[in-house]
Amino acid sequence: MATLVYQSATNERAVGRRSEHRFFAGMTGIIALIFFIGFARTYYLARVFHAKPLAAPIVHVHGAVFTCWIVLLIIQASLVGTGRMRAHRRLGLLGLGLAPLVVALGVLVALEMVRRFAAVPSLDSPLIFAVALSEITGFAVPVFFAFRLRRKPALHKRLIMIGTIAMTTAGFGRWPIPFLLHKPLPAMLCAFALLATMIVFDLVSTRRVRPETAWGTAWVVCVELGAFAVGHTAAWRVFVTHVRSLPLS
């Protein structure tokens, strides 16, 4: 009887691990698709759509580095799913170097964008700037703790995923449909739907919401909604005016 119970528990854990691998691999694929759709016309398939050249070299560098981050996530999910943990840990060092670049380049591109969008009256550039900074912040904090706590796999993978989801607001906000294109709040809500999917998965797989999922989700939602509110204030708009007046170099 004890042997049967032990085997049953072992089988349940194995099934749980396979389910978790499939879920995170699927989420990574969905995130990659979100960014591809959002930036296909201006970056990935720019020649096909006869898009204008990118506004500045830093935009291309940022796009290349963030694409590397997404490709790395796909590879890492595949390695974990096939049990190749040694290779996964080695590639993790690349992620440790890429993450700070994503943050730094994200800030630089946000600064370039707020200057460029000032000449487009139909775009609320101060609001978009505030939301862009919130996405970077939403990414940076969970990913920082994910690397600090990388010896706890379940926690590590959730924080990496949550941090990356924070950036999908930018991807959704570039989808070529009126409801989302350059509309920060609807784009945020789509990103929050992905966070809700993480919560649902926790409830289904573990019958509870894991603390890192709860705190990570709360962080991203509060930071991005807070930025949306701040972006409408007069004080923020005065600040953005000063930012635009700063020298580029």
C-alpha atoms as a PDB file:
ATOM      1  CA  MET A   1       0.000   0.000   0.000  1.00  0.00           C
ATOM      2  CA  ALA A   2       2.786   2.450   0.939  1.00  0.00           C
ATOM      3  CA  THR A   3       4.530   1.684  -2.360  1.00  0.00           C
ATOM      4  CA  LEU A   4       1.360   2.401  -4.312  1.00  0.00           C
ATOM      5  CA  VAL A   5       0.875   5.707  -2.510  1.00  0.00           C
ATOM      6  CA  TYR A   6       4.495   6.684  -3.178  1.00  0.00           C
ATOM      7  CA  GLN A   7       4.211   5.760  -6.863  1.00  0.00           C
ATOM      8  CA  SER A   8       0.967   7.698  -7.156  1.00  0.00           C
ATOM      9  CA  ALA A   9       2.540  10.809  -5.597  1.00  0.00           C
ATOM     10  CA  THR A  10       5.575  10.469  -7.873  1.00  0.00           C
ATOM     11  CA  ASN A  11       3.349  10.157 -10.938  1.00  0.00           C
ATOM     12  CA  GLU A  12       1.344  13.210  -9.899  1.00  0.00           C
ATOM     13  CA  ARG A  13       4.531  15.280  -9.530  1.00  0.00           C
ATOM     14  CA  ALA A  14       5.750  14.123 -12.940  1.00  0.00           C
ATOM     15  CA  VAL A  15       2.411  15.040 -14.532  1.00  0.00           C
ATOM     16  CA  GLY A  16       2.508  18.408 -12.750  1.00  0.00           C
ATOM     17  CA  ARG A  17       5.998  19.138 -14.074  1.00  0.00           C
ATOM     18  CA  ARG A  18       5.001  18.244 -17.625  1.00  0.00           C
ATOM     19  CA  SER A  19       1.920  20.437 -17.352  1.00  0.00           C
ATOM     20  CA  GLU A  20       4.022  23.321 -16.057  1.00  0.00           C
ATOM     21  CA  HIS A  21       6.584  22.910 -18.841  1.00  0.00           C
ATOM     22  CA  ARG A  22       3.839  22.964 -21.464  1.00  0.00           C
ATOM     23  CA  PHE A  23       2.186  26.003 -19.925  1.00  0.00           C
ATOM     24  CA  PHE A  24       5.325  28.118 -19.754  1.00  0.00           C
ATOM     25  CA  ALA A  25       6.455  27.036 -23.212  1.00  0.00           C
ATOM     26  CA  GLY A  26       3.015  27.996 -24.533  1.00  0.00           C
ATOM     27  CA  MET A  27       3.064  31.360 -22.765  1.00  0.00           C
ATOM     28  CA  THR A  28       6.511  32.101 -24.184  1.00  0.00           C
ATOM     29  CA  GLY A  29       5.242  31.329 -27.676  1.00  0.00           C
ATOM     30  CA  ILE A  30       2.200  33.579 -27.180  1.00  0.00           C
ATOM     31  CA  ILE A  31       4.399  36.446 -25.977  1.00  0.00           C
ATOM     32  CA  ALA A  32       6.694  36.038 -28.973  1.00  0.00           C
ATOM     33  CA  LEU A  33       3.655  36.171 -31.272  1.00  0.00           C
ATOM     34  CA  ILE A  34       2.354  39.319 -29.552  1.00  0.00           C
ATOM     35  CA  PHE A  35       5.607  41.146 -30.198  1.00  0.00           C
ATOM     36  CA  PHE A  36       5.896  39.825 -33.744  1.00  0.00           C
ATOM     37  CA  ILE A  37       2.400  41.060 -34.643  1.00  0.00           C
ATOM     38  CA  GLY A  38       3.022  44.401 -32.955  1.00  0.00           C
ATOM     39  CA  PHE A  39       6.341  45.142 -34.615  1.00  0.00           C
ATOM     40  CA  ALA A  40       6.009  43.216 -37.896  1.00  0.00           C
ATOM     41  CA  ARG A  41       5.068  46.270 -39.961  1.00  0.00           C
ATOM     42  CA  THR A  42       7.788  48.541 -38.628  1.00  0.00           C
ATOM     43  CA  TYR A  43      10.603  46.135 -37.774  1.00  0.00           C
ATOM     44  CA  TYR A  44      10.418  42.398 -38.473  1.00  0.00           C
ATOM     45  CA  LEU A  45       8.707  42.659 -41.869  1.00  0.00           C
ATOM     46  CA  ALA A  46       9.519  46.303 -42.574  1.00  0.00           C
ATOM     47  CA  ARG A  47      10.565  45.610 -46.173  1.00  0.00           C
ATOM     48  CA  VAL A  48       7.390  43.682 -46.911  1.00  0.00           C
ATOM     49  CA  PHE A  49       5.253  46.582 -45.683  1.00  0.00           C
ATOM     50  CA  HIS A  50       7.543  49.241 -47.201  1.00  0.00           C
ATOM     51  CA  ALA A  51       7.914  50.855 -43.794  1.00  0.00           C
ATOM     52  CA  LYS A  52       9.877  54.035 -43.238  1.00  0.00           C
ATOM     53  CA  PRO A  53      13.437  53.586 -41.924  1.00  0.00           C
ATOM     54  CA  LEU A  54      13.707  53.392 -38.152  1.00  0.00           C
ATOM     55  CA  ALA A  55      13.872  56.802 -36.517  1.00  0.00           C
ATOM     56  CA  ALA A  56      17.271  56.262 -34.882  1.00  0.00           C
ATOM     57  CA  PRO A  57      19.940  53.546 -34.623  1.00  0.00           C
ATOM     58  CA  ILE A  58      19.159  53.081 -30.925  1.00  0.00           C
ATOM     59  CA  VAL A  59      15.677  51.857 -31.882  1.00  0.00           C
ATOM     60  CA  HIS A  60      17.178  49.110 -34.023  1.00  0.00           C
ATOM     61  CA  VAL A  61      19.633  48.116 -31.287  1.00  0.00           C
ATOM     62  CA  HIS A  62      16.807  47.946 -28.747  1.00  0.00           C
ATOM     63  CA  GLY A  63      14.700  45.846 -31.102  1.00  0.00           C
ATOM     64  CA  ALA A  64      17.564  43.435 -31.719  1.00  0.00           C
ATOM     65  CA  VAL A  65      18.403  43.052 -28.027  1.00  0.00           C
ATOM     66  CA  PHE A  66      14.800  42.505 -26.971  1.00  0.00           C
ATOM     67  CA  THR A  67      14.332  39.999 -29.781  1.00  0.00           C
ATOM     68  CA  CYS A  68      17.353  38.133 -28.401  1.00  0.00           C
ATOM     69  CA  TRP A  69      15.637  38.119 -24.985  1.00  0.00           C
ATOM     70  CA  ILE A  70      12.484  36.545 -26.436  1.00  0.00           C
ATOM     71  CA  VAL A  71      14.456  33.989 -28.465  1.00  0.00           C
ATOM     72  CA  LEU A  72      16.424  33.121 -25.334  1.00  0.00           C
ATOM     73  CA  LEU A  73      13.186  32.542 -23.390  1.00  0.00           C
ATOM     74  CA  ILE A  74      11.931  30.191 -26.100  1.00  0.00           C
ATOM     75  CA  ILE A  75      15.200  28.237 -26.050  1.00  0.00           C
ATOM     76  CA  GLN A  76      15.264  28.121 -22.248  1.00  0.00           C
ATOM     77  CA  ALA A  77      11.693  26.832 -22.083  1.00  0.00           C
ATOM     78  CA  SER A  78      12.610  24.133 -24.594  1.00  0.00           C
ATOM     79  CA  LEU A  79      15.689  23.112 -22.620  1.00  0.00           C
ATOM     80  CA  VAL A  80      13.732  22.817 -19.385  1.00  0.00           C
ATOM     81  CA  GLY A  81      11.012  20.834 -21.128  1.00  0.00           C
ATOM     82  CA  THR A  82      13.565  18.310 -22.401  1.00  0.00           C
ATOM     83  CA  GLY A  83      15.403  18.088 -19.075  1.00  0.00           C
ATOM     84  CA  ARG A  84      18.612  19.733 -20.299  1.00  0.00           C
ATOM     85  CA  MET A  85      19.124  21.730 -17.135  1.00  0.00           C
ATOM     86  CA  ARG A  86      22.896  22.134 -17.426  1.00  0.00           C
ATOM     87  CA  ALA A  87      22.545  23.876 -20.782  1.00  0.00           C
ATOM     88  CA  HIS A  88      19.658  25.902 -19.358  1.00  0.00           C
ATOM     89  CA  ARG A  89      21.815  27.167 -16.490  1.00  0.00           C
ATOM     90  CA  ARG A  90      24.690  28.036 -18.803  1.00  0.00           C
ATOM     91  CA  LEU A  91      22.449  30.013 -21.144  1.00  0.00           C
ATOM     92  CA  GLY A  92      21.013  31.739 -18.105  1.00  0.00           C
ATOM     93  CA  LEU A  93      24.277  33.670 -17.888  1.00  0.00           C
ATOM     94  CA  LEU A  94      23.439  35.194 -21.249  1.00  0.00           C
ATOM     95  CA  GLY A  95      20.082  36.273 -19.869  1.00  0.00           C
ATOM     96  CA  LEU A  96      21.834  37.828 -16.903  1.00  0.00           C
ATOM     97  CA  GLY A  97      23.713  40.045 -19.348  1.00  0.00           C
ATOM     98  CA  LEU A  98      20.772  40.742 -21.639  1.00  0.00           C
ATOM     99  CA  ALA A  99      18.322  41.895 -18.951  1.00  0.00           C
ATOM    100  CA  PRO A 100      20.241  45.070 -17.952  1.00  0.00           C
ATOM    101  CA  LEU A 101      20.650  45.900 -21.658  1.00  0.00           C
ATOM    102  CA  VAL A 102      16.893  45.569 -22.162  1.00  0.00           C
ATOM    103  CA  VAL A 103      16.326  48.029 -19.313  1.00  0.00           C
ATOM    104  CA  ALA A 104      18.977  50.565 -20.359  1.00  0.00           C
ATOM    105  CA  LEU A 105      18.032  50.521 -24.025  1.00  0.00           C
ATOM    106  CA  GLY A 106      14.344  50.701 -23.134  1.00  0.00           C
ATOM    107  CA  VAL A 107      14.925  53.952 -21.252  1.00  0.00           C
ATOM    108  CA  LEU A 108      16.983  55.406 -24.118  1.00  0.00           C
ATOM    109  CA  VAL A 109      14.344  54.503 -26.684  1.00  0.00           C
ATOM    110  CA  ALA A 110      11.601  55.984 -24.458  1.00  0.00           C
ATOM    111  CA  LEU A 111      13.569  59.255 -24.342  1.00  0.00           C
ATOM    112  CA  GLU A 112      14.026  59.218 -28.119  1.00  0.00           C
ATOM    113  CA  MET A 113      10.355  58.418 -28.628  1.00  0.00           C
ATOM    114  CA  VAL A 114       9.000  61.213 -26.414  1.00  0.00           C
ATOM    115  CA  ARG A 115      10.953  63.733 -28.475  1.00  0.00           C
ATOM    116  CA  ARG A 116       9.890  62.238 -31.807  1.00  0.00           C
ATOM    117  CA  PHE A 117       6.212  61.874 -30.891  1.00  0.00           C
ATOM    118  CA  ALA A 118       6.025  65.528 -29.815  1.00  0.00           C
ATOM    119  CA  ALA A 119       5.645  66.397 -33.504  1.00  0.00           C
ATOM    120  CA  VAL A 120       2.607  64.092 -33.864  1.00  0.00           C
ATOM    121  CA  PRO A 121      -0.446  65.908 -32.432  1.00  0.00           C
ATOM    122  CA  SER A 122      -2.624  62.788 -32.560  1.00  0.00           C
ATOM    123  CA  LEU A 123      -0.372  60.986 -30.071  1.00  0.00           C
ATOM    124  CA  ASP A 124      -0.293  61.775 -26.359  1.00  0.00           C
ATOM    125  CA  SER A 125       3.485  61.546 -26.097  1.00  0.00           C
ATOM    126  CA  PRO A 126       3.753  62.410 -22.348  1.00  0.00           C
ATOM    127  CA  LEU A 127       1.305  59.613 -21.519  1.00  0.00           C
ATOM    128  CA  ILE A 128       3.050  57.130 -23.823  1.00  0.00           C
ATOM    129  CA  PHE A 129       6.384  58.094 -22.243  1.00  0.00           C
ATOM    130  CA  ALA A 130       5.032  57.454 -18.728  1.00  0.00           C
ATOM    131  CA  VAL A 131       3.638  54.065 -19.738  1.00  0.00           C
ATOM    132  CA  ALA A 132       6.869  53.109 -21.522  1.00  0.00           C
ATOM    133  CA  LEU A 133       8.882  53.806 -18.371  1.00  0.00           C
ATOM    134  CA  SER A 134       6.384  51.796 -16.318  1.00  0.00           C
ATOM    135  CA  GLU A 135       6.815  48.803 -18.633  1.00  0.00           C
ATOM    136  CA  ILE A 136      10.566  48.938 -18.145  1.00  0.00           C
ATOM    137  CA  THR A 137      10.126  49.180 -14.381  1.00  0.00           C
ATOM    138  CA  GLY A 138       7.572  46.379 -14.465  1.00  0.00           C
ATOM    139  CA  PHE A 139      10.142  44.253 -16.280  1.00  0.00           C
ATOM    140  CA  ALA A 140      13.210  45.181 -14.246  1.00  0.00           C
ATOM    141  CA  VAL A 141      12.063  44.371 -10.712  1.00  0.00           C
ATOM    142  CA  PRO A 142      10.607  40.860 -11.235  1.00  0.00           C
ATOM    143  CA  VAL A 143      13.522  39.877 -13.496  1.00  0.00           C
ATOM    144  CA  PHE A 144      16.034  41.143 -10.923  1.00  0.00           C
ATOM    145  CA  PHE A 145      14.507  38.942  -8.232  1.00  0.00           C
ATOM    146  CA  ALA A 146      14.173  36.069 -10.689  1.00  0.00           C
ATOM    147  CA  PHE A 147      17.944  36.020 -11.136  1.00  0.00           C
ATOM    148  CA  ARG A 148      18.559  36.501  -7.419  1.00  0.00           C
ATOM    149  CA  LEU A 149      16.315  33.512  -6.684  1.00  0.00           C
ATOM    150  CA  ARG A 150      17.242  31.376  -9.687  1.00  0.00           C
ATOM    151  CA  ARG A 151      17.907  28.330  -7.479  1.00  0.00           C
ATOM    152  CA  LYS A 152      14.148  28.147  -6.882  1.00  0.00           C
ATOM    153  CA  PRO A 153      12.908  27.073 -10.324  1.00  0.00           C
ATOM    154  CA  ALA A 154       9.171  27.535  -9.817  1.00  0.00           C
ATOM    155  CA  LEU A 155       9.668  31.048  -8.471  1.00  0.00           C
ATOM    156  CA  HIS A 156      12.352  31.927 -11.030  1.00  0.00           C
ATOM    157  CA  LYS A 157      10.298  31.000 -14.089  1.00  0.00           C
ATOM    158  CA  ARG A 158       7.201  32.841 -12.853  1.00  0.00           C
ATOM    159  CA  LEU A 159       9.057  36.065 -12.181  1.00  0.00           C
ATOM    160  CA  ILE A 160      10.812  35.924 -15.562  1.00  0.00           C
ATOM    161  CA  MET A 161       7.464  35.410 -17.250  1.00  0.00           C
ATOM    162  CA  ILE A 162       5.755  38.197 -15.298  1.00  0.00           C
ATOM    163  CA  GLY A 163       8.553  40.655 -16.059  1.00  0.00           C
ATOM    164  CA  THR A 164       8.373  39.848 -19.753  1.00  0.00           C
ATOM    165  CA  ILE A 165       4.576  40.144 -19.759  1.00  0.00           C
ATOM    166  CA  ALA A 166       4.976  43.686 -18.400  1.00  0.00           C
ATOM    167  CA  MET A 167       6.632  44.600 -21.704  1.00  0.00           C
ATOM    168  CA  THR A 168       3.789  43.182 -23.809  1.00  0.00           C
ATOM    169  CA  THR A 169       1.915  46.447 -23.308  1.00  0.00           C
ATOM    170  CA  ALA A 170       4.268  47.849 -25.960  1.00  0.00           C
ATOM    171  CA  GLY A 171       3.592  44.890 -28.231  1.00  0.00           C
ATOM    172  CA  PHE A 172      -0.192  45.115 -27.918  1.00  0.00           C
ATOM    173  CA  GLY A 173       0.013  48.889 -28.349  1.00  0.00           C
ATOM    174  CA  ARG A 174       1.514  48.426 -31.830  1.00  0.00           C
ATOM    175  CA  TRP A 175      -1.095  45.960 -33.108  1.00  0.00           C
ATOM    176  CA  PRO A 176      -2.561  47.443 -36.307  1.00  0.00           C
ATOM    177  CA  ILE A 177      -6.129  47.638 -35.042  1.00  0.00           C
ATOM    178  CA  PRO A 178      -7.777  50.900 -33.905  1.00  0.00           C
ATOM    179  CA  PHE A 179      -8.736  49.573 -30.477  1.00  0.00           C
ATOM    180  CA  LEU A 180      -5.094  49.004 -29.512  1.00  0.00           C
ATOM    181  CA  LEU A 181      -2.818  51.063 -31.756  1.00  0.00           C
ATOM    182  CA  HIS A 182      -1.096  53.661 -29.560  1.00  0.00           C
ATOM    183  CA  LYS A 183      -3.840  53.214 -26.929  1.00  0.00           C
ATOM    184  CA  PRO A 184      -2.009  52.612 -23.611  1.00  0.00           C
ATOM    185  CA  LEU A 185      -4.953  51.554 -21.443  1.00  0.00           C
ATOM    186  CA  PRO A 186      -6.424  48.864 -23.744  1.00  0.00           C
ATOM    187  CA  ALA A 187      -2.895  47.577 -24.373  1.00  0.00           C
ATOM    188  CA  MET A 188      -2.316  47.350 -20.609  1.00  0.00           C
ATOM    189  CA  LEU A 189      -5.551  45.455 -20.101  1.00  0.00           C
ATOM    190  CA  CYS A 190      -4.444  42.890 -22.676  1.00  0.00           C
ATOM    191  CA  ALA A 191      -1.159  42.473 -20.812  1.00  0.00           C
ATOM    192  CA  PHE A 192      -3.070  42.125 -17.546  1.00  0.00           C
ATOM    193  CA  ALA A 193      -5.111  39.332 -19.155  1.00  0.00           C
ATOM    194  CA  LEU A 194      -1.861  37.386 -19.576  1.00  0.00           C
ATOM    195  CA  LEU A 195      -1.100  37.958 -15.895  1.00  0.00           C
ATOM    196  CA  ALA A 196      -4.575  36.683 -15.057  1.00  0.00           C
ATOM    197  CA  THR A 197      -3.758  33.546 -17.047  1.00  0.00           C
ATOM    198  CA  MET A 198      -0.752  33.003 -14.779  1.00  0.00           C
ATOM    199  CA  ILE A 199      -3.012  33.259 -11.734  1.00  0.00           C
ATOM    200  CA  VAL A 200      -5.524  30.824 -13.205  1.00  0.00           C
ATOM    201  CA  PHE A 201      -2.760  28.344 -13.958  1.00  0.00           C
ATOM    202  CA  ASP A 202      -1.551  28.512 -10.354  1.00  0.00           C
ATOM    203  CA  LEU A 203      -5.077  27.914  -9.072  1.00  0.00           C
ATOM    204  CA  VAL A 204      -5.614  24.947 -11.372  1.00  0.00           C
ATOM    205  CA  SER A 205      -2.188  23.360 -10.892  1.00  0.00           C
ATOM    206  CA  THR A 206      -1.491  24.053  -7.209  1.00  0.00           C
ATOM    207  CA  ARG A 207      -4.956  25.037  -5.894  1.00  0.00           C
ATOM    208  CA  ARG A 208      -3.532  28.344  -4.701  1.00  0.00           C
ATOM    209  CA  VAL A 209      -1.937  31.483  -6.087  1.00  0.00           C
ATOM    210  CA  ARG A 210       1.787  31.293  -5.491  1.00  0.00           C
ATOM    211  CA  PRO A 211       3.182  34.342  -3.621  1.00  0.00           C
ATOM    212  CA  GLU A 212       5.567  35.302  -6.426  1.00  0.00           C
ATOM    213  CA  THR A 213       2.692  35.251  -8.923  1.00  0.00           C
ATOM    214  CA  ALA A 214       0.544  37.410  -6.655  1.00  0.00           C
ATOM    215  CA  TRP A 215       3.258  39.936  -5.801  1.00  0.00           C
ATOM    216  CA  GLY A 216       4.657  40.060  -9.332  1.00  0.00           C
ATOM    217  CA  THR A 217       1.230  40.602 -10.836  1.00  0.00           C
ATOM    218  CA  ALA A 218       0.358  43.270  -8.265  1.00  0.00           C
ATOM    219  CA  TRP A 219       3.647  45.041  -9.009  1.00  0.00           C
ATOM    220  CA  VAL A 220       3.088  45.197 -12.768  1.00  0.00           C
ATOM    221  CA  VAL A 221      -0.561  46.242 -12.481  1.00  0.00           C
ATOM    222  CA  CYS A 222       0.156  48.967  -9.899  1.00  0.00           C
ATOM    223  CA  VAL A 223       3.179  50.355 -11.732  1.00  0.00           C
ATOM    224  CA  GLU A 224       1.489  50.522 -15.121  1.00  0.00           C
ATOM    225  CA  LEU A 225      -1.863  51.858 -13.893  1.00  0.00           C
ATOM    226  CA  GLY A 226       0.001  54.325 -11.678  1.00  0.00           C
ATOM    227  CA  ALA A 227       1.983  55.548 -14.687  1.00  0.00           C
ATOM    228  CA  PHE A 228      -1.237  55.872 -16.687  1.00  0.00           C
ATOM    229  CA  ALA A 229      -2.675  58.110 -13.959  1.00  0.00           C
ATOM    230  CA  VAL A 230       0.515  60.155 -13.541  1.00  0.00           C
ATOM    231  CA  GLY A 231       0.815  60.572 -17.302  1.00  0.00           C
ATOM    232  CA  HIS A 232      -2.371  62.667 -17.323  1.00  0.00           C
ATOM    233  CA  THR A 233      -1.195  65.138 -14.672  1.00  0.00           C
ATOM    234  CA  ALA A 234      -0.008  68.666 -15.373  1.00  0.00           C
ATOM    235  CA  ALA A 235       3.132  68.112 -13.290  1.00  0.00           C
ATOM    236  CA  TRP A 236       4.160  65.165 -15.464  1.00  0.00           C
ATOM    237  CA  ARG A 237       3.627  67.169 -18.633  1.00  0.00           C
ATOM    238  CA  VAL A 238       5.829  69.943 -17.300  1.00  0.00           C
ATOM    239  CA  PHE A 239       8.468  67.331 -16.468  1.00  0.00           C
ATOM    240  CA  VAL A 240       8.273  65.899 -19.997  1.00  0.00           C
ATOM    241  CA  THR A 241       8.737  69.395 -21.426  1.00  0.00           C
ATOM    242  CA  HIS A 242      12.007  69.646 -19.477  1.00  0.00           C
ATOM    243  CA  VAL A 243      13.048  66.173 -20.630  1.00  0.00           C
ATOM    244  CA  ARG A 244      12.561  67.175 -24.256  1.00  0.00           C
ATOM    245  CA  SER A 245      14.765  70.218 -23.742  1.00  0.00           C
ATOM    246  CA  LEU A 246      17.695  68.145 -22.497  1.00  0.00           C
ATOM    247  CA  PRO A 247      20.575  67.651 -24.946  1.00  0.00           C
ATOM    248  CA  LEU A 248      20.634  64.321 -26.750  1.00  0.00           C
ATOM    249  CA  SER A 249      24.275  63.668 -25.846  1.00  0.00           C
END
